């Protein structure tokens, strides 16, 4: 497998990366996913989401997922993936890879001495990589998606 260079675009939809980013309020407390607790009445800081999900701007790009092969990893159809080209595609990592010229997102693994790509949906069989042209486009670091029922 080789590490390929994806398109020079850094933002989905063809727009270039913004020169100025605006911060959004960040509450000074955490929200419990179990039993409710009183929230703080003040804001702690501002959060710039781009700075939070993009560690290496020069090697990071965004791409939309398509299909349901990675749904058990929390990647759903139309989700926005944050992909870092500078990270090593190690076994266990979710990667964007071109296999025989077709882009896919899967988990890299070794099974019985073979390198394969694994879907997290059991309906999809492992994809063996031996004898195929493969170019890794980067490691997925974050997934951004709307919750079901959220307004568009």
C-alpha atoms as a PDB file:
ATOM      1  CA  UNK A   1       0.000   0.000   0.000  1.00  0.00           C
ATOM      2  CA  UNK A   2       1.179   3.501  -0.699  1.00  0.00           C
ATOM      3  CA  UNK A   3       0.177   6.814   0.752  1.00  0.00           C
ATOM      4  CA  UNK A   4      -1.509   8.837  -1.960  1.00  0.00           C
ATOM      5  CA  UNK A   5      -2.174  12.533  -2.171  1.00  0.00           C
ATOM      6  CA  UNK A   6      -5.871  13.371  -2.156  1.00  0.00           C
ATOM      7  CA  UNK A   7      -7.150  16.449  -3.934  1.00  0.00           C
ATOM      8  CA  UNK A   8      -5.703  19.739  -2.734  1.00  0.00           C
ATOM      9  CA  UNK A   9      -9.099  20.811  -1.368  1.00  0.00           C
ATOM     10  CA  UNK A  10      -9.386  20.891   2.390  1.00  0.00           C
ATOM     11  CA  UNK A  11     -13.127  21.433   2.742  1.00  0.00           C
ATOM     12  CA  UNK A  12     -15.953  19.388   1.240  1.00  0.00           C
ATOM     13  CA  UNK A  13     -17.821  21.129  -1.535  1.00  0.00           C
ATOM     14  CA  UNK A  14     -14.821  22.738  -3.161  1.00  0.00           C
ATOM     15  CA  UNK A  15     -14.550  25.717  -0.812  1.00  0.00           C
ATOM     16  CA  UNK A  16     -11.127  26.597   0.414  1.00  0.00           C
ATOM     17  CA  UNK A  17     -10.256  26.556   4.097  1.00  0.00           C
ATOM     18  CA  UNK A  18     -11.481  29.685   5.881  1.00  0.00           C
ATOM     19  CA  UNK A  19      -8.880  32.283   6.703  1.00  0.00           C
ATOM     20  CA  UNK A  20     -10.682  33.239   9.888  1.00  0.00           C
ATOM     21  CA  UNK A  21     -12.589  30.812  12.057  1.00  0.00           C
ATOM     22  CA  UNK A  22     -15.117  31.842  14.646  1.00  0.00           C
ATOM     23  CA  UNK A  23     -15.309  30.304  18.072  1.00  0.00           C
ATOM     24  CA  UNK A  24     -18.494  28.991  19.584  1.00  0.00           C
ATOM     25  CA  UNK A  25     -19.316  29.099  23.293  1.00  0.00           C
ATOM     26  CA  UNK A  26     -18.058  26.150  25.343  1.00  0.00           C
ATOM     27  CA  UNK A  27     -19.852  25.464  28.623  1.00  0.00           C
ATOM     28  CA  UNK A  28     -17.624  25.266  31.659  1.00  0.00           C
ATOM     29  CA  UNK A  29     -19.104  21.922  32.682  1.00  0.00           C
ATOM     30  CA  UNK A  30     -19.639  18.528  31.129  1.00  0.00           C
ATOM     31  CA  UNK A  31     -23.078  17.191  30.256  1.00  0.00           C
ATOM     32  CA  UNK A  32     -23.857  13.869  31.895  1.00  0.00           C
ATOM     33  CA  UNK A  33     -25.258  11.177  29.675  1.00  0.00           C
ATOM     34  CA  UNK A  34     -26.676   9.427  32.751  1.00  0.00           C
ATOM     35  CA  UNK A  35     -28.501  11.197  35.563  1.00  0.00           C
ATOM     36  CA  UNK A  36     -29.011  14.964  35.215  1.00  0.00           C
ATOM     37  CA  UNK A  37     -26.931  17.375  37.275  1.00  0.00           C
ATOM     38  CA  UNK A  38     -27.130  21.158  37.703  1.00  0.00           C
ATOM     39  CA  UNK A  39     -25.242  23.003  34.939  1.00  0.00           C
ATOM     40  CA  UNK A  40     -22.847  25.852  35.559  1.00  0.00           C
ATOM     41  CA  UNK A  41     -24.297  29.281  34.874  1.00  0.00           C
ATOM     42  CA  UNK A  42     -21.293  30.576  32.983  1.00  0.00           C
ATOM     43  CA  UNK A  43     -19.330  29.889  29.854  1.00  0.00           C
ATOM     44  CA  UNK A  44     -15.774  28.670  30.371  1.00  0.00           C
ATOM     45  CA  UNK A  45     -14.228  29.427  27.023  1.00  0.00           C
ATOM     46  CA  UNK A  46     -14.826  29.508  23.317  1.00  0.00           C
ATOM     47  CA  UNK A  47     -14.472  26.394  21.222  1.00  0.00           C
ATOM     48  CA  UNK A  48     -13.315  26.533  17.630  1.00  0.00           C
ATOM     49  CA  UNK A  49     -14.562  23.228  16.214  1.00  0.00           C
ATOM     50  CA  UNK A  50     -12.056  23.344  13.351  1.00  0.00           C
ATOM     51  CA  UNK A  51      -9.174  23.628  15.834  1.00  0.00           C
ATOM     52  CA  UNK A  52     -10.675  20.773  17.865  1.00  0.00           C
ATOM     53  CA  UNK A  53     -10.933  18.235  15.023  1.00  0.00           C
ATOM     54  CA  UNK A  54      -8.037  19.353  12.785  1.00  0.00           C
ATOM     55  CA  UNK A  55      -4.677  18.744  14.457  1.00  0.00           C
ATOM     56  CA  UNK A  56      -2.539  19.113  11.322  1.00  0.00           C
ATOM     57  CA  UNK A  57      -4.219  21.534   8.881  1.00  0.00           C
ATOM     58  CA  UNK A  58      -1.692  21.012   6.068  1.00  0.00           C
ATOM     59  CA  UNK A  59      -2.400  17.265   5.954  1.00  0.00           C
ATOM     60  CA  UNK A  60      -6.110  17.191   6.811  1.00  0.00           C
ATOM     61  CA  UNK A  61      -9.115  17.100   4.520  1.00  0.00           C
ATOM     62  CA  UNK A  62     -12.847  16.399   4.830  1.00  0.00           C
ATOM     63  CA  UNK A  63     -14.866  13.871   2.847  1.00  0.00           C
ATOM     64  CA  UNK A  64     -18.445  12.575   3.010  1.00  0.00           C
ATOM     65  CA  UNK A  65     -19.103   8.907   3.716  1.00  0.00           C
ATOM     66  CA  UNK A  66     -21.466   6.955   1.525  1.00  0.00           C
ATOM     67  CA  UNK A  67     -23.297   3.760   2.424  1.00  0.00           C
ATOM     68  CA  UNK A  68     -23.713   1.711   5.597  1.00  0.00           C
ATOM     69  CA  UNK A  69     -20.654  -0.571   5.662  1.00  0.00           C
ATOM     70  CA  UNK A  70     -19.132   1.257   8.673  1.00  0.00           C
ATOM     71  CA  UNK A  71     -22.282   1.915  10.712  1.00  0.00           C
ATOM     72  CA  UNK A  72     -21.119  -0.065  13.766  1.00  0.00           C
ATOM     73  CA  UNK A  73     -18.121   2.275  13.962  1.00  0.00           C
ATOM     74  CA  UNK A  74     -20.510   5.247  14.063  1.00  0.00           C
ATOM     75  CA  UNK A  75     -19.967   6.181  10.411  1.00  0.00           C
ATOM     76  CA  UNK A  76     -23.271   6.623   8.600  1.00  0.00           C
ATOM     77  CA  UNK A  77     -24.299   7.586   5.081  1.00  0.00           C
ATOM     78  CA  UNK A  78     -23.540  11.296   4.417  1.00  0.00           C
ATOM     79  CA  UNK A  79     -21.418  11.720   7.582  1.00  0.00           C
ATOM     80  CA  UNK A  80     -18.505  14.117   7.351  1.00  0.00           C
ATOM     81  CA  UNK A  81     -15.155  12.407   7.937  1.00  0.00           C
ATOM     82  CA  UNK A  82     -12.045  14.255   9.075  1.00  0.00           C
ATOM     83  CA  UNK A  83      -9.032  12.535   7.504  1.00  0.00           C
ATOM     84  CA  UNK A  84      -5.356  13.101   8.355  1.00  0.00           C
ATOM     85  CA  UNK A  85      -2.850  12.110   5.647  1.00  0.00           C
ATOM     86  CA  UNK A  86       0.125  12.431   8.017  1.00  0.00           C
ATOM     87  CA  UNK A  87      -0.939   9.551  10.294  1.00  0.00           C
ATOM     88  CA  UNK A  88       0.389   6.056   9.677  1.00  0.00           C
ATOM     89  CA  UNK A  89      -2.253   3.550   8.521  1.00  0.00           C
ATOM     90  CA  UNK A  90      -1.762   0.998  11.288  1.00  0.00           C
ATOM     91  CA  UNK A  91      -3.879  -2.131  11.781  1.00  0.00           C
ATOM     92  CA  UNK A  92      -7.017  -1.253  13.720  1.00  0.00           C
ATOM     93  CA  UNK A  93      -7.276   2.265  12.317  1.00  0.00           C
ATOM     94  CA  UNK A  94     -10.112   3.382  10.071  1.00  0.00           C
ATOM     95  CA  UNK A  95      -8.639   4.590   6.793  1.00  0.00           C
ATOM     96  CA  UNK A  96      -9.689   6.087   3.490  1.00  0.00           C
ATOM     97  CA  UNK A  97      -8.093   3.997   0.761  1.00  0.00           C
ATOM     98  CA  UNK A  98      -8.319   3.707  -3.015  1.00  0.00           C
ATOM     99  CA  UNK A  99      -8.575   0.015  -3.956  1.00  0.00           C
ATOM    100  CA  UNK A 100      -8.178  -0.550  -7.676  1.00  0.00           C
ATOM    101  CA  UNK A 101      -9.037   3.120  -8.186  1.00  0.00           C
ATOM    102  CA  UNK A 102     -12.210   3.142  -6.055  1.00  0.00           C
ATOM    103  CA  UNK A 103     -12.290   5.048  -2.766  1.00  0.00           C
ATOM    104  CA  UNK A 104     -13.604   3.332   0.343  1.00  0.00           C
ATOM    105  CA  UNK A 105     -13.476   3.796   4.110  1.00  0.00           C
ATOM    106  CA  UNK A 106     -12.719   0.652   6.126  1.00  0.00           C
ATOM    107  CA  UNK A 107     -10.726  -0.605   9.104  1.00  0.00           C
ATOM    108  CA  UNK A 108      -7.235  -1.896   8.254  1.00  0.00           C
ATOM    109  CA  UNK A 109      -6.469  -5.362   9.665  1.00  0.00           C
ATOM    110  CA  UNK A 110      -4.267  -8.427   9.386  1.00  0.00           C
ATOM    111  CA  UNK A 111      -6.049 -11.786   9.235  1.00  0.00           C
ATOM    112  CA  UNK A 112      -4.228 -15.098   8.856  1.00  0.00           C
ATOM    113  CA  UNK A 113      -1.125 -13.401   7.479  1.00  0.00           C
ATOM    114  CA  UNK A 114      -3.071 -11.268   4.989  1.00  0.00           C
ATOM    115  CA  UNK A 115      -3.745  -7.534   4.968  1.00  0.00           C
ATOM    116  CA  UNK A 116      -7.476  -6.867   4.636  1.00  0.00           C
ATOM    117  CA  UNK A 117      -9.997  -4.076   4.910  1.00  0.00           C
ATOM    118  CA  UNK A 118     -12.873  -4.727   7.311  1.00  0.00           C
ATOM    119  CA  UNK A 119     -16.323  -3.227   7.293  1.00  0.00           C
ATOM    120  CA  UNK A 120     -18.021  -2.886  10.666  1.00  0.00           C
ATOM    121  CA  UNK A 121     -21.337  -4.012   9.191  1.00  0.00           C
ATOM    122  CA  UNK A 122     -21.406  -7.855   9.186  1.00  0.00           C
ATOM    123  CA  UNK A 123     -23.216  -7.874   5.823  1.00  0.00           C
ATOM    124  CA  UNK A 124     -19.907  -6.918   4.142  1.00  0.00           C
ATOM    125  CA  UNK A 125     -17.089  -9.422   3.626  1.00  0.00           C
ATOM    126  CA  UNK A 126     -13.426  -8.535   4.305  1.00  0.00           C
ATOM    127  CA  UNK A 127     -11.596  -7.105   1.309  1.00  0.00           C
ATOM    128  CA  UNK A 128      -8.198  -8.797   0.794  1.00  0.00           C
ATOM    129  CA  UNK A 129      -5.570  -6.404  -0.548  1.00  0.00           C
ATOM    130  CA  UNK A 130      -3.036  -8.825  -2.038  1.00  0.00           C
ATOM    131  CA  UNK A 131      -2.746  -8.383  -5.778  1.00  0.00           C
ATOM    132  CA  UNK A 132      -4.715  -5.132  -5.794  1.00  0.00           C
ATOM    133  CA  UNK A 133      -3.560  -1.593  -6.383  1.00  0.00           C
ATOM    134  CA  UNK A 134      -3.990   0.251  -3.062  1.00  0.00           C
ATOM    135  CA  UNK A 135      -3.281   3.851  -2.134  1.00  0.00           C
ATOM    136  CA  UNK A 136      -4.025   5.076   1.393  1.00  0.00           C
ATOM    137  CA  UNK A 137      -5.504   8.577   1.415  1.00  0.00           C
ATOM    138  CA  UNK A 138      -5.323   8.981   5.201  1.00  0.00           C
ATOM    139  CA  UNK A 139      -6.567   7.962   8.627  1.00  0.00           C
ATOM    140  CA  UNK A 140     -10.035   8.978   9.793  1.00  0.00           C
ATOM    141  CA  UNK A 141      -9.729  10.931  13.041  1.00  0.00           C
ATOM    142  CA  UNK A 142     -13.272  12.249  13.581  1.00  0.00           C
ATOM    143  CA  UNK A 143     -16.799  11.659  12.326  1.00  0.00           C
ATOM    144  CA  UNK A 144     -19.394  14.420  12.291  1.00  0.00           C
ATOM    145  CA  UNK A 145     -23.048  13.565  11.859  1.00  0.00           C
ATOM    146  CA  UNK A 146     -26.465  14.846  12.785  1.00  0.00           C
ATOM    147  CA  UNK A 147     -28.606  12.879  15.189  1.00  0.00           C
ATOM    148  CA  UNK A 148     -31.750  11.248  13.824  1.00  0.00           C
ATOM    149  CA  UNK A 149     -34.650  13.683  14.014  1.00  0.00           C
ATOM    150  CA  UNK A 150     -32.391  16.742  14.257  1.00  0.00           C
ATOM    151  CA  UNK A 151     -33.527  19.679  12.124  1.00  0.00           C
ATOM    152  CA  UNK A 152     -31.663  20.048   8.850  1.00  0.00           C
END
